[in-house]
N, C-alpha and C. Protein backbone atom coordinates (compact mmCIF):
# COMPACT_ATOMS: atom_id res chain seq x y z
N MET A 1 -14.37 3.64 23.83
CA MET A 1 -15.40 3.84 22.83
C MET A 1 -14.97 4.88 21.82
N VAL A 2 -14.92 4.46 20.56
CA VAL A 2 -14.52 5.44 19.41
C VAL A 2 -15.67 6.21 18.88
N VAL A 3 -16.81 5.46 18.77
CA VAL A 3 -18.02 6.26 18.19
C VAL A 3 -19.24 5.84 18.96
N ARG A 4 -20.10 6.83 19.36
CA ARG A 4 -21.37 6.49 19.93
C ARG A 4 -22.39 7.42 19.35
N LEU A 5 -23.52 6.91 18.82
CA LEU A 5 -24.73 7.66 18.41
C LEU A 5 -25.84 7.32 19.21
N GLN A 6 -26.50 8.39 19.60
CA GLN A 6 -27.71 8.27 20.56
C GLN A 6 -28.90 9.10 19.95
N HIS A 7 -30.00 8.37 19.54
CA HIS A 7 -31.23 9.03 19.08
C HIS A 7 -31.00 10.03 17.97
N VAL A 8 -30.13 9.71 16.99
CA VAL A 8 -29.73 10.49 15.92
C VAL A 8 -30.71 10.53 14.76
N VAL A 9 -31.36 11.76 14.42
CA VAL A 9 -32.23 11.92 13.38
C VAL A 9 -31.69 12.94 12.39
N LYS A 10 -31.81 12.60 11.20
CA LYS A 10 -31.34 13.55 10.10
C LYS A 10 -32.30 13.60 8.95
N SER A 11 -32.78 14.75 8.59
CA SER A 11 -33.81 14.90 7.49
C SER A 11 -33.23 15.95 6.55
N PHE A 12 -33.58 15.91 5.35
CA PHE A 12 -33.24 16.87 4.31
C PHE A 12 -34.56 17.56 3.84
N SER A 13 -35.72 16.99 4.05
CA SER A 13 -36.96 17.60 3.73
C SER A 13 -37.86 17.55 4.97
N PRO A 14 -38.67 18.53 5.30
CA PRO A 14 -39.54 18.56 6.50
C PRO A 14 -40.31 17.30 6.65
N GLY A 15 -40.22 16.69 7.76
CA GLY A 15 -41.04 15.39 7.95
C GLY A 15 -40.61 14.20 7.28
N GLU A 16 -39.49 14.22 6.64
CA GLU A 16 -39.04 12.97 5.85
C GLU A 16 -37.62 12.70 6.45
N ALA A 17 -37.51 11.92 7.53
CA ALA A 17 -36.21 11.55 8.03
C ALA A 17 -35.52 10.54 7.16
N VAL A 18 -34.27 10.86 6.86
CA VAL A 18 -33.40 9.85 6.15
C VAL A 18 -32.82 8.88 7.03
N LEU A 19 -32.45 9.33 8.40
CA LEU A 19 -31.92 8.48 9.35
C LEU A 19 -32.66 8.77 10.63
N ASN A 20 -32.87 7.65 11.37
CA ASN A 20 -33.45 7.72 12.77
C ASN A 20 -32.88 6.57 13.50
N ILE A 21 -31.65 6.76 14.10
CA ILE A 21 -31.01 5.73 14.66
C ILE A 21 -30.97 5.89 16.19
N ALA A 22 -31.53 4.88 16.88
CA ALA A 22 -31.50 4.99 18.34
C ALA A 22 -30.23 4.83 19.00
N HIS A 23 -29.39 3.89 18.43
CA HIS A 23 -28.10 3.61 19.18
C HIS A 23 -27.13 2.96 18.27
N LEU A 24 -25.87 3.35 18.15
CA LEU A 24 -24.84 2.67 17.49
C LEU A 24 -23.51 3.09 18.10
N GLU A 25 -22.74 2.09 18.41
CA GLU A 25 -21.46 2.38 19.00
C GLU A 25 -20.34 1.41 18.41
N MET A 26 -19.06 1.89 18.48
CA MET A 26 -18.01 1.12 18.07
C MET A 26 -16.79 1.24 19.10
N ASP A 27 -16.16 0.13 19.31
CA ASP A 27 -14.99 0.24 20.22
C ASP A 27 -13.68 0.42 19.41
N ALA A 28 -12.69 0.77 20.11
CA ALA A 28 -11.34 1.02 19.49
C ALA A 28 -10.87 -0.35 18.81
N GLY A 29 -10.39 -0.18 17.57
CA GLY A 29 -9.93 -1.30 16.85
C GLY A 29 -11.00 -2.16 16.20
N GLN A 30 -12.24 -1.96 16.54
CA GLN A 30 -13.42 -2.80 15.91
C GLN A 30 -13.49 -2.51 14.48
N GLN A 31 -13.81 -3.69 13.74
CA GLN A 31 -14.19 -3.51 12.28
C GLN A 31 -15.61 -3.92 12.08
N LEU A 32 -16.36 -3.00 11.56
CA LEU A 32 -17.74 -3.17 11.39
C LEU A 32 -18.18 -2.77 10.05
N ALA A 33 -19.04 -3.64 9.38
CA ALA A 33 -19.57 -3.40 8.07
C ALA A 33 -21.09 -3.08 8.17
N LEU A 34 -21.52 -2.14 7.35
CA LEU A 34 -22.99 -1.66 7.32
C LEU A 34 -23.47 -1.92 5.92
N ARG A 35 -24.55 -2.81 5.92
CA ARG A 35 -25.12 -3.22 4.63
C ARG A 35 -26.34 -2.26 4.36
N GLY A 36 -26.51 -1.79 3.12
CA GLY A 36 -27.57 -0.88 2.66
C GLY A 36 -27.74 -0.78 1.25
N ARG A 37 -28.89 -0.66 0.78
CA ARG A 37 -29.15 -0.47 -0.72
C ARG A 37 -28.70 0.94 -0.95
N SER A 38 -28.56 1.22 -2.26
CA SER A 38 -28.31 2.68 -2.68
C SER A 38 -29.48 3.55 -2.27
N GLY A 39 -29.12 4.73 -1.73
CA GLY A 39 -30.05 5.71 -1.36
C GLY A 39 -30.60 5.45 0.06
N SER A 40 -30.07 4.57 0.85
CA SER A 40 -30.56 4.12 2.09
C SER A 40 -30.12 5.03 3.28
N GLY A 41 -29.12 5.89 2.92
CA GLY A 41 -28.54 6.80 3.98
C GLY A 41 -27.18 6.47 4.45
N LYS A 42 -26.64 5.49 3.76
CA LYS A 42 -25.27 5.02 4.22
C LYS A 42 -24.17 6.14 4.20
N SER A 43 -24.07 6.86 3.12
CA SER A 43 -23.24 7.95 3.07
C SER A 43 -23.48 9.14 3.97
N THR A 44 -24.82 9.37 4.15
CA THR A 44 -25.24 10.39 5.19
C THR A 44 -24.79 10.02 6.53
N LEU A 45 -24.92 8.75 6.90
CA LEU A 45 -24.45 8.35 8.17
C LEU A 45 -22.98 8.57 8.39
N LEU A 46 -22.06 8.19 7.35
CA LEU A 46 -20.74 8.40 7.49
C LEU A 46 -20.33 9.90 7.63
N ASN A 47 -21.15 10.75 6.88
CA ASN A 47 -20.88 12.19 6.97
C ASN A 47 -21.20 12.83 8.27
N LEU A 48 -22.22 12.18 8.93
CA LEU A 48 -22.59 12.62 10.26
C LEU A 48 -21.55 12.24 11.32
N ILE A 49 -20.94 11.06 11.19
CA ILE A 49 -19.99 10.57 12.05
C ILE A 49 -18.71 11.41 11.87
N ALA A 50 -18.41 11.87 10.60
CA ALA A 50 -17.23 12.64 10.25
C ALA A 50 -17.50 14.12 10.65
N GLY A 51 -18.64 14.49 11.05
CA GLY A 51 -18.85 15.99 11.32
C GLY A 51 -19.01 16.84 10.20
N ILE A 52 -19.07 16.20 8.96
CA ILE A 52 -19.41 17.04 7.79
C ILE A 52 -20.86 17.56 7.83
N LEU A 53 -21.76 16.68 8.36
CA LEU A 53 -23.16 17.14 8.46
C LEU A 53 -23.36 16.99 10.00
N LEU A 54 -24.44 17.75 10.41
CA LEU A 54 -24.83 17.60 11.83
C LEU A 54 -26.30 17.10 11.85
N PRO A 55 -26.63 16.28 12.92
CA PRO A 55 -27.99 15.74 12.99
C PRO A 55 -28.96 16.84 13.37
N ASP A 56 -30.24 16.62 13.04
CA ASP A 56 -31.28 17.52 13.51
C ASP A 56 -31.58 17.34 15.02
N SER A 57 -31.26 16.12 15.51
CA SER A 57 -31.41 15.90 16.92
C SER A 57 -30.55 14.75 17.26
N GLY A 58 -30.28 14.55 18.67
CA GLY A 58 -29.41 13.36 18.98
C GLY A 58 -28.05 13.83 19.13
N THR A 59 -27.19 12.88 19.63
CA THR A 59 -25.81 13.19 19.89
C THR A 59 -24.93 12.13 19.13
N ILE A 60 -23.79 12.63 18.64
CA ILE A 60 -22.71 11.79 18.04
C ILE A 60 -21.37 12.08 18.83
N GLU A 61 -20.74 11.12 19.30
CA GLU A 61 -19.45 11.29 19.98
C GLU A 61 -18.42 10.64 19.18
N VAL A 62 -17.34 11.20 18.84
CA VAL A 62 -16.12 10.57 18.33
C VAL A 62 -14.96 10.83 19.27
N ASP A 63 -14.45 9.71 19.72
CA ASP A 63 -13.34 9.70 20.60
C ASP A 63 -13.59 10.53 21.78
N GLY A 64 -14.85 10.38 22.30
CA GLY A 64 -15.24 11.13 23.49
C GLY A 64 -15.63 12.60 23.37
N GLN A 65 -15.65 13.12 22.14
CA GLN A 65 -15.98 14.46 21.84
C GLN A 65 -17.40 14.49 21.26
N GLU A 66 -18.35 15.31 21.75
CA GLU A 66 -19.67 15.41 21.17
C GLU A 66 -19.60 16.40 20.08
N LEU A 67 -19.86 15.93 18.81
CA LEU A 67 -19.73 16.87 17.61
C LEU A 67 -20.54 17.98 17.65
N GLY A 68 -21.72 17.87 18.24
CA GLY A 68 -22.75 18.98 18.10
C GLY A 68 -22.29 20.17 19.08
N LYS A 69 -21.39 19.95 19.94
CA LYS A 69 -20.86 20.98 20.85
C LYS A 69 -19.75 21.67 20.32
N LEU A 70 -19.16 21.26 19.19
CA LEU A 70 -17.95 21.74 18.56
C LEU A 70 -18.29 22.78 17.50
N SER A 71 -17.49 23.74 17.32
CA SER A 71 -17.57 24.72 16.26
C SER A 71 -17.25 23.96 14.95
N GLU A 72 -17.54 24.60 13.84
CA GLU A 72 -17.21 23.95 12.52
C GLU A 72 -15.72 23.75 12.41
N ALA A 73 -14.90 24.83 12.88
CA ALA A 73 -13.49 24.66 12.83
C ALA A 73 -12.91 23.56 13.69
N ALA A 74 -13.55 23.37 14.82
CA ALA A 74 -13.11 22.33 15.67
C ALA A 74 -13.51 20.95 15.21
N ARG A 75 -14.63 20.85 14.51
CA ARG A 75 -14.99 19.59 13.83
C ARG A 75 -14.02 19.24 12.76
N ASP A 76 -13.61 20.27 11.98
CA ASP A 76 -12.60 20.07 10.88
C ASP A 76 -11.27 19.61 11.45
N GLN A 77 -10.89 20.19 12.67
CA GLN A 77 -9.68 19.79 13.26
C GLN A 77 -9.76 18.28 13.75
N LEU A 78 -10.90 17.97 14.36
CA LEU A 78 -11.00 16.64 14.90
C LEU A 78 -11.05 15.67 13.67
N ARG A 79 -11.78 15.97 12.64
CA ARG A 79 -11.74 15.17 11.45
C ARG A 79 -10.34 14.91 10.98
N GLY A 80 -9.51 15.97 10.85
CA GLY A 80 -8.18 15.84 10.34
C GLY A 80 -7.27 15.03 11.21
N ARG A 81 -7.52 15.01 12.58
CA ARG A 81 -6.67 14.39 13.38
C ARG A 81 -7.06 13.00 13.77
N LYS A 82 -8.34 12.75 13.84
CA LYS A 82 -8.86 11.49 14.45
C LYS A 82 -9.40 10.52 13.33
N LEU A 83 -9.81 11.07 12.18
CA LEU A 83 -10.50 10.27 11.23
C LEU A 83 -9.73 10.05 9.90
N GLY A 84 -9.88 8.87 9.23
CA GLY A 84 -9.48 8.75 7.91
C GLY A 84 -10.68 8.35 7.11
N TYR A 85 -10.70 8.76 5.80
CA TYR A 85 -11.88 8.58 5.01
C TYR A 85 -11.40 7.88 3.76
N VAL A 86 -12.09 6.79 3.31
CA VAL A 86 -11.88 6.29 1.90
C VAL A 86 -13.07 6.34 1.12
N PHE A 87 -13.04 6.94 0.00
CA PHE A 87 -14.22 7.17 -0.79
C PHE A 87 -14.22 6.17 -2.06
N GLN A 88 -15.38 5.98 -2.60
CA GLN A 88 -15.53 5.19 -3.75
C GLN A 88 -14.71 5.72 -4.90
N SER A 89 -14.80 7.03 -5.05
CA SER A 89 -14.10 7.70 -6.21
C SER A 89 -12.72 8.26 -5.84
N PHE A 90 -12.27 7.80 -4.69
CA PHE A 90 -10.85 8.05 -4.16
C PHE A 90 -10.62 9.54 -3.69
N HIS A 91 -11.13 10.51 -4.51
CA HIS A 91 -10.93 11.93 -4.13
C HIS A 91 -9.51 12.28 -3.97
N LEU A 92 -8.59 11.77 -4.61
CA LEU A 92 -7.24 12.26 -4.59
C LEU A 92 -7.14 13.63 -5.34
N LEU A 93 -6.25 14.41 -4.91
CA LEU A 93 -6.00 15.69 -5.52
C LEU A 93 -5.27 15.59 -6.82
N PRO A 94 -5.83 15.90 -7.94
CA PRO A 94 -5.30 15.39 -9.26
C PRO A 94 -3.96 16.23 -9.56
N GLY A 95 -3.89 17.42 -9.04
CA GLY A 95 -2.63 18.19 -9.36
C GLY A 95 -1.40 17.92 -8.36
N LEU A 96 -1.64 16.94 -7.42
CA LEU A 96 -0.50 16.58 -6.57
C LEU A 96 0.05 15.26 -6.94
N THR A 97 1.24 14.99 -6.62
CA THR A 97 1.84 13.63 -6.71
C THR A 97 1.37 12.74 -5.70
N VAL A 98 1.75 11.46 -5.80
CA VAL A 98 1.33 10.49 -4.75
C VAL A 98 2.01 10.94 -3.34
N TRP A 99 3.22 11.31 -3.38
CA TRP A 99 3.89 11.72 -2.11
C TRP A 99 3.17 12.94 -1.53
N GLU A 100 2.78 13.95 -2.45
CA GLU A 100 2.19 15.18 -1.93
C GLU A 100 0.83 14.96 -1.43
N ASN A 101 0.04 14.04 -2.09
CA ASN A 101 -1.31 13.75 -1.53
C ASN A 101 -1.18 13.17 -0.02
N LEU A 102 -0.12 12.34 0.15
CA LEU A 102 0.05 11.75 1.50
C LEU A 102 0.61 12.73 2.52
N TRP A 103 1.54 13.66 1.94
CA TRP A 103 2.10 14.67 2.83
C TRP A 103 1.06 15.61 3.30
N LEU A 104 0.07 15.99 2.39
CA LEU A 104 -0.99 16.88 2.74
C LEU A 104 -1.82 16.40 3.89
N ALA A 105 -2.18 15.04 3.77
CA ALA A 105 -3.01 14.52 4.77
C ALA A 105 -2.30 14.54 6.17
N SER A 106 -0.92 14.24 6.09
CA SER A 106 -0.18 14.27 7.39
C SER A 106 -0.08 15.65 7.97
N VAL A 107 0.08 16.60 7.06
CA VAL A 107 0.15 18.05 7.59
C VAL A 107 -1.15 18.52 8.17
N LEU A 108 -2.21 18.17 7.53
CA LEU A 108 -3.53 18.56 7.93
C LEU A 108 -3.89 17.98 9.37
N SER A 109 -3.31 16.83 9.56
CA SER A 109 -3.56 16.20 10.85
C SER A 109 -2.86 16.88 12.01
N GLY A 110 -1.90 17.63 11.67
CA GLY A 110 -1.06 18.22 12.79
C GLY A 110 -0.04 17.31 13.52
N ALA A 111 0.04 16.21 12.91
CA ALA A 111 0.92 15.05 13.52
C ALA A 111 2.32 15.17 12.75
N PRO A 112 3.43 14.99 13.44
CA PRO A 112 4.82 14.86 12.70
C PRO A 112 4.81 13.70 11.79
N GLU A 113 5.36 13.91 10.59
CA GLU A 113 5.36 12.93 9.63
C GLU A 113 6.35 11.68 9.94
N ASN A 114 7.51 12.06 10.44
CA ASN A 114 8.47 11.08 10.92
C ASN A 114 8.66 9.87 10.04
N GLY A 115 8.75 10.03 8.84
CA GLY A 115 8.98 8.95 7.85
C GLY A 115 7.84 8.13 7.48
N ARG A 116 6.68 8.37 7.99
CA ARG A 116 5.61 7.36 7.80
C ARG A 116 5.13 7.31 6.29
N ILE A 117 5.34 8.46 5.62
CA ILE A 117 4.92 8.39 4.23
C ILE A 117 5.76 7.39 3.43
N GLU A 118 7.04 7.46 3.58
CA GLU A 118 7.99 6.47 2.92
C GLU A 118 7.55 5.00 3.29
N GLN A 119 7.32 4.84 4.63
CA GLN A 119 6.98 3.49 5.12
C GLN A 119 5.69 3.02 4.48
N PHE A 120 4.65 3.96 4.31
CA PHE A 120 3.44 3.51 3.69
C PHE A 120 3.57 3.26 2.18
N MET A 121 4.35 4.07 1.56
CA MET A 121 4.57 3.88 0.08
C MET A 121 5.25 2.53 -0.17
N LYS A 122 6.24 2.26 0.72
CA LYS A 122 6.89 0.88 0.52
C LYS A 122 6.02 -0.21 0.89
N ARG A 123 5.27 -0.13 1.99
CA ARG A 123 4.29 -1.11 2.41
C ARG A 123 3.25 -1.39 1.23
N LEU A 124 2.82 -0.41 0.54
CA LEU A 124 1.75 -0.43 -0.45
C LEU A 124 2.29 -0.54 -1.90
N ASP A 125 3.60 -0.75 -2.05
CA ASP A 125 4.29 -0.98 -3.32
C ASP A 125 4.07 0.26 -4.23
N LEU A 126 4.21 1.42 -3.65
CA LEU A 126 4.04 2.67 -4.29
C LEU A 126 5.28 3.51 -4.53
N THR A 127 6.40 3.01 -4.01
CA THR A 127 7.58 3.73 -4.06
C THR A 127 8.05 4.19 -5.48
N GLY A 128 7.79 3.28 -6.44
CA GLY A 128 8.11 3.67 -7.82
C GLY A 128 7.14 4.75 -8.43
N ARG A 129 6.09 5.00 -7.72
CA ARG A 129 5.07 5.95 -8.12
C ARG A 129 5.11 7.22 -7.37
N ARG A 130 6.14 7.43 -6.64
CA ARG A 130 6.16 8.60 -5.74
C ARG A 130 5.88 9.99 -6.34
N ASP A 131 6.34 10.10 -7.67
CA ASP A 131 6.21 11.41 -8.28
C ASP A 131 5.09 11.42 -9.37
N PHE A 132 4.31 10.38 -9.36
CA PHE A 132 3.17 10.24 -10.32
C PHE A 132 2.04 10.97 -9.80
N ARG A 133 1.24 11.55 -10.65
CA ARG A 133 -0.08 12.16 -10.26
C ARG A 133 -1.13 11.11 -10.49
N PRO A 134 -2.30 11.23 -9.71
CA PRO A 134 -3.42 10.23 -9.82
C PRO A 134 -3.84 9.73 -11.18
N GLY A 135 -3.78 10.71 -12.17
CA GLY A 135 -4.21 10.40 -13.52
C GLY A 135 -3.30 9.49 -14.23
N GLN A 136 -2.06 9.32 -13.67
CA GLN A 136 -1.06 8.46 -14.32
C GLN A 136 -1.09 7.05 -13.63
N LEU A 137 -1.97 6.89 -12.65
CA LEU A 137 -2.00 5.54 -11.91
C LEU A 137 -3.11 4.77 -12.40
N SER A 138 -3.04 3.45 -12.19
CA SER A 138 -4.11 2.54 -12.46
C SER A 138 -5.12 2.72 -11.35
N LEU A 139 -6.45 2.15 -11.58
CA LEU A 139 -7.36 2.27 -10.47
C LEU A 139 -6.91 1.61 -9.18
N GLY A 140 -6.25 0.44 -9.33
CA GLY A 140 -5.77 -0.25 -8.16
C GLY A 140 -4.70 0.58 -7.46
N GLN A 141 -3.89 1.18 -8.13
CA GLN A 141 -2.85 2.09 -7.49
C GLN A 141 -3.54 3.25 -6.83
N GLN A 142 -4.50 3.86 -7.52
CA GLN A 142 -5.22 5.07 -6.87
C GLN A 142 -5.90 4.57 -5.60
N GLN A 143 -6.47 3.40 -5.50
CA GLN A 143 -7.04 2.97 -4.33
C GLN A 143 -5.98 2.78 -3.15
N ARG A 144 -4.80 2.19 -3.56
CA ARG A 144 -3.81 1.97 -2.54
C ARG A 144 -3.36 3.42 -2.09
N VAL A 145 -3.27 4.45 -2.88
CA VAL A 145 -2.99 5.77 -2.36
C VAL A 145 -4.05 6.25 -1.41
N ALA A 146 -5.29 6.00 -1.77
CA ALA A 146 -6.44 6.43 -0.97
C ALA A 146 -6.40 5.85 0.47
N VAL A 147 -6.02 4.50 0.44
CA VAL A 147 -5.88 3.81 1.65
C VAL A 147 -4.77 4.32 2.60
N ALA A 148 -3.65 4.57 1.89
CA ALA A 148 -2.51 5.19 2.60
C ALA A 148 -2.82 6.59 3.17
N ARG A 149 -3.44 7.41 2.33
CA ARG A 149 -3.95 8.74 2.80
C ARG A 149 -4.79 8.70 4.01
N ALA A 150 -5.67 7.69 4.02
CA ALA A 150 -6.68 7.54 5.22
C ALA A 150 -5.95 7.14 6.39
N LEU A 151 -4.74 6.47 6.32
CA LEU A 151 -4.14 5.86 7.53
C LEU A 151 -2.84 6.55 7.93
N VAL A 152 -2.20 7.41 7.00
CA VAL A 152 -0.93 7.81 7.28
C VAL A 152 -0.76 8.75 8.57
N HIS A 153 -1.90 9.40 9.00
CA HIS A 153 -1.74 10.26 10.22
C HIS A 153 -2.20 9.46 11.39
N GLN A 154 -2.34 8.18 11.30
CA GLN A 154 -2.73 7.22 12.42
C GLN A 154 -4.00 7.72 13.15
N PRO A 155 -5.11 7.56 12.36
CA PRO A 155 -6.42 8.03 12.96
C PRO A 155 -6.97 6.96 13.89
N LYS A 156 -7.88 7.39 14.72
CA LYS A 156 -8.54 6.46 15.58
C LYS A 156 -9.66 5.72 14.85
N LEU A 157 -10.21 6.25 13.79
CA LEU A 157 -11.27 5.65 13.07
C LEU A 157 -11.14 5.89 11.62
N VAL A 158 -11.45 4.84 10.75
CA VAL A 158 -11.40 4.96 9.33
C VAL A 158 -12.83 4.65 8.79
N LEU A 159 -13.38 5.58 8.13
CA LEU A 159 -14.73 5.48 7.41
C LEU A 159 -14.46 5.18 5.97
N ALA A 160 -15.19 4.04 5.48
CA ALA A 160 -15.01 3.61 4.06
C ALA A 160 -16.36 3.60 3.34
N ASP A 161 -16.56 4.43 2.44
CA ASP A 161 -17.82 4.57 1.67
C ASP A 161 -17.75 3.80 0.39
N GLU A 162 -18.33 2.67 0.25
CA GLU A 162 -18.26 1.79 -0.96
C GLU A 162 -16.79 1.89 -1.52
N PRO A 163 -15.76 1.55 -0.72
CA PRO A 163 -14.44 1.85 -1.09
C PRO A 163 -13.82 1.05 -2.33
N THR A 164 -14.59 0.05 -2.71
CA THR A 164 -14.07 -0.82 -3.86
C THR A 164 -15.09 -0.72 -5.04
N GLY A 165 -16.00 0.20 -5.03
CA GLY A 165 -17.06 0.26 -6.00
C GLY A 165 -16.54 0.44 -7.44
N ASN A 166 -15.36 1.11 -7.60
CA ASN A 166 -14.83 1.30 -8.97
C ASN A 166 -13.76 0.26 -9.34
N LEU A 167 -13.67 -0.79 -8.65
CA LEU A 167 -12.70 -1.88 -8.98
C LEU A 167 -13.44 -3.16 -9.43
N ASP A 168 -12.64 -3.94 -10.24
CA ASP A 168 -13.24 -5.19 -10.61
C ASP A 168 -13.13 -6.13 -9.30
N ALA A 169 -13.74 -7.33 -9.46
CA ALA A 169 -13.96 -8.23 -8.35
C ALA A 169 -12.59 -8.61 -7.61
N GLU A 170 -11.53 -8.93 -8.48
CA GLU A 170 -10.27 -9.35 -7.89
C GLU A 170 -9.61 -8.25 -7.21
N LEU A 171 -9.63 -7.04 -7.89
CA LEU A 171 -8.93 -5.91 -7.25
C LEU A 171 -9.67 -5.40 -6.00
N ALA A 172 -11.03 -5.54 -5.97
CA ALA A 172 -11.82 -5.14 -4.86
C ALA A 172 -11.47 -5.94 -3.70
N GLN A 173 -11.36 -7.33 -3.80
CA GLN A 173 -10.95 -8.14 -2.70
C GLN A 173 -9.57 -7.84 -2.16
N GLU A 174 -8.72 -7.48 -3.09
CA GLU A 174 -7.32 -7.15 -2.74
C GLU A 174 -7.34 -5.90 -1.88
N ALA A 175 -8.15 -4.92 -2.38
CA ALA A 175 -8.06 -3.60 -1.75
C ALA A 175 -8.78 -3.76 -0.44
N LEU A 176 -9.80 -4.50 -0.23
CA LEU A 176 -10.41 -4.73 0.99
C LEU A 176 -9.62 -5.35 2.01
N ALA A 177 -8.89 -6.37 1.58
CA ALA A 177 -7.96 -7.07 2.41
C ALA A 177 -6.81 -6.18 2.97
N LEU A 178 -6.31 -5.35 2.06
CA LEU A 178 -5.37 -4.37 2.47
C LEU A 178 -5.85 -3.40 3.48
N LEU A 179 -7.02 -2.81 3.15
CA LEU A 179 -7.68 -1.88 4.08
C LEU A 179 -7.77 -2.42 5.46
N ARG A 180 -8.35 -3.63 5.64
CA ARG A 180 -8.60 -4.27 6.82
C ARG A 180 -7.33 -4.55 7.60
N GLU A 181 -6.30 -5.02 6.85
CA GLU A 181 -4.99 -5.41 7.44
C GLU A 181 -4.32 -4.12 7.91
N MET A 182 -4.37 -3.05 7.23
CA MET A 182 -3.68 -1.86 7.62
C MET A 182 -4.31 -1.14 8.85
N CYS A 183 -5.64 -1.26 8.87
CA CYS A 183 -6.38 -0.78 10.04
C CYS A 183 -6.04 -1.44 11.23
N GLN A 184 -5.94 -2.78 11.12
CA GLN A 184 -5.56 -3.65 12.25
C GLN A 184 -4.14 -3.35 12.69
N GLU A 185 -3.15 -3.21 11.78
CA GLU A 185 -1.78 -2.92 12.16
C GLU A 185 -1.75 -1.54 12.77
N ASN A 186 -2.54 -0.53 12.44
CA ASN A 186 -2.44 0.78 12.90
C ASN A 186 -3.49 0.97 14.12
N GLN A 187 -4.20 -0.15 14.51
CA GLN A 187 -5.13 -0.10 15.65
C GLN A 187 -6.16 0.96 15.45
N ALA A 188 -6.63 1.05 14.16
CA ALA A 188 -7.70 1.97 13.77
C ALA A 188 -9.03 1.20 13.70
N ALA A 189 -10.17 1.71 14.30
CA ALA A 189 -11.44 1.18 13.98
C ALA A 189 -11.83 1.40 12.59
N LEU A 190 -12.59 0.46 12.00
CA LEU A 190 -12.98 0.61 10.63
C LEU A 190 -14.58 0.43 10.53
N LEU A 191 -15.16 1.41 9.93
CA LEU A 191 -16.61 1.33 9.70
C LEU A 191 -16.75 1.44 8.08
N LEU A 192 -17.21 0.33 7.52
CA LEU A 192 -17.33 0.24 6.04
C LEU A 192 -18.81 0.09 5.64
N VAL A 193 -19.19 0.80 4.72
CA VAL A 193 -20.59 0.66 4.20
C VAL A 193 -20.56 0.21 2.73
N SER A 194 -21.42 -0.73 2.52
CA SER A 194 -21.48 -1.27 1.12
C SER A 194 -22.83 -1.99 0.89
N HIS A 195 -23.19 -2.17 -0.42
CA HIS A 195 -24.38 -3.02 -0.73
C HIS A 195 -23.86 -4.27 -1.38
N ASP A 196 -22.54 -4.55 -1.53
CA ASP A 196 -22.01 -5.69 -2.16
C ASP A 196 -21.83 -6.86 -1.27
N PRO A 197 -22.49 -7.92 -1.38
CA PRO A 197 -22.43 -9.13 -0.49
C PRO A 197 -20.93 -9.64 -0.43
N ALA A 198 -20.17 -9.61 -1.61
CA ALA A 198 -18.86 -10.06 -1.58
C ALA A 198 -17.83 -9.24 -0.69
N ILE A 199 -18.17 -8.00 -0.60
CA ILE A 199 -17.34 -7.10 0.23
C ILE A 199 -17.72 -7.22 1.73
N LEU A 200 -18.94 -7.49 2.02
CA LEU A 200 -19.48 -7.64 3.35
C LEU A 200 -19.01 -8.92 4.00
N ALA A 201 -18.87 -9.94 3.11
CA ALA A 201 -18.76 -11.33 3.62
C ALA A 201 -17.58 -11.53 4.58
N PRO A 202 -16.39 -10.92 4.32
CA PRO A 202 -15.25 -11.17 5.26
C PRO A 202 -15.40 -10.63 6.67
N PHE A 203 -16.37 -9.71 6.94
CA PHE A 203 -16.54 -9.00 8.20
C PHE A 203 -17.23 -10.02 9.22
N ASP A 204 -16.74 -10.11 10.35
CA ASP A 204 -17.46 -10.76 11.46
C ASP A 204 -18.79 -10.20 11.83
N THR A 205 -18.74 -8.87 11.82
CA THR A 205 -19.91 -8.06 12.23
C THR A 205 -20.52 -7.26 11.14
N VAL A 206 -21.65 -7.60 10.65
CA VAL A 206 -22.33 -6.91 9.59
C VAL A 206 -23.68 -6.44 10.09
N LEU A 207 -24.02 -5.16 10.05
CA LEU A 207 -25.33 -4.65 10.42
C LEU A 207 -26.14 -4.14 9.26
N ASP A 208 -27.39 -4.43 9.38
CA ASP A 208 -28.29 -3.92 8.16
C ASP A 208 -28.86 -2.60 8.55
N LEU A 209 -28.59 -1.54 7.73
CA LEU A 209 -29.01 -0.25 8.01
C LEU A 209 -30.57 -0.20 8.23
N ALA A 210 -31.25 -1.00 7.41
CA ALA A 210 -32.68 -0.97 7.46
C ALA A 210 -33.16 -1.53 8.90
N GLU A 211 -32.31 -2.35 9.58
CA GLU A 211 -32.74 -2.81 10.83
C GLU A 211 -32.44 -1.92 11.98
N ILE A 212 -31.47 -1.01 11.82
CA ILE A 212 -31.21 -0.02 12.90
C ILE A 212 -31.68 1.38 12.67
N ASN A 213 -32.30 1.58 11.51
CA ASN A 213 -32.75 2.85 11.17
C ASN A 213 -34.21 2.89 11.09
N ARG A 214 -34.81 3.49 12.13
CA ARG A 214 -36.26 3.67 12.19
C ARG A 214 -36.94 4.32 11.07
N ALA A 215 -36.18 5.19 10.36
CA ALA A 215 -36.77 5.91 9.24
C ALA A 215 -36.97 4.99 8.06
N CYS A 216 -36.38 3.81 8.02
CA CYS A 216 -36.65 2.88 6.98
C CYS A 216 -37.89 2.09 7.20
N CYS A 217 -38.50 2.14 8.36
CA CYS A 217 -39.52 1.27 8.76
C CYS A 217 -40.92 1.84 8.73
């Protein structure tokens, strides 16, 4: 089991729960999509699983570790080693080159690089963009760098928050196929959240956040 949530409640205002999830779990290598409208708590859920936020109550386990029992530093370390995160706006560091963005992700994970950066850049057709900064790349190239950064340290779990929202329909499908394929190749579980039916359609398992979130009802 890579992820397990039990009776997780999260509020930002007294008496107004954003999330109230009785149970959610994912197995190693599983690919799961979560449907939800804008503002329904999708990003909050991912940030809870990543340990960026803590729930008001309930438990969240990632790779067998309960996040609520870890210090902030320990959660940061677990996130760096075990998780990859793909954001809608990419969140690449603008002052660093493609290679440096990937190198930093590898260093922060604590894992030896062992040539994986070069392998990923070749796999994603980024070798010719090694010394380019994000602002010099197309949106599709930036997304490929974001996918590589999320996977270069061989995480157990990849979280994807509307990862194709800034791309046109054709590029979005290409990016999604690449993300799913590389997660499978690297045996990483994938949890993707989106409101776009075209992005959700390829997944065998799609959950509706409104159906598992009691705060929505």
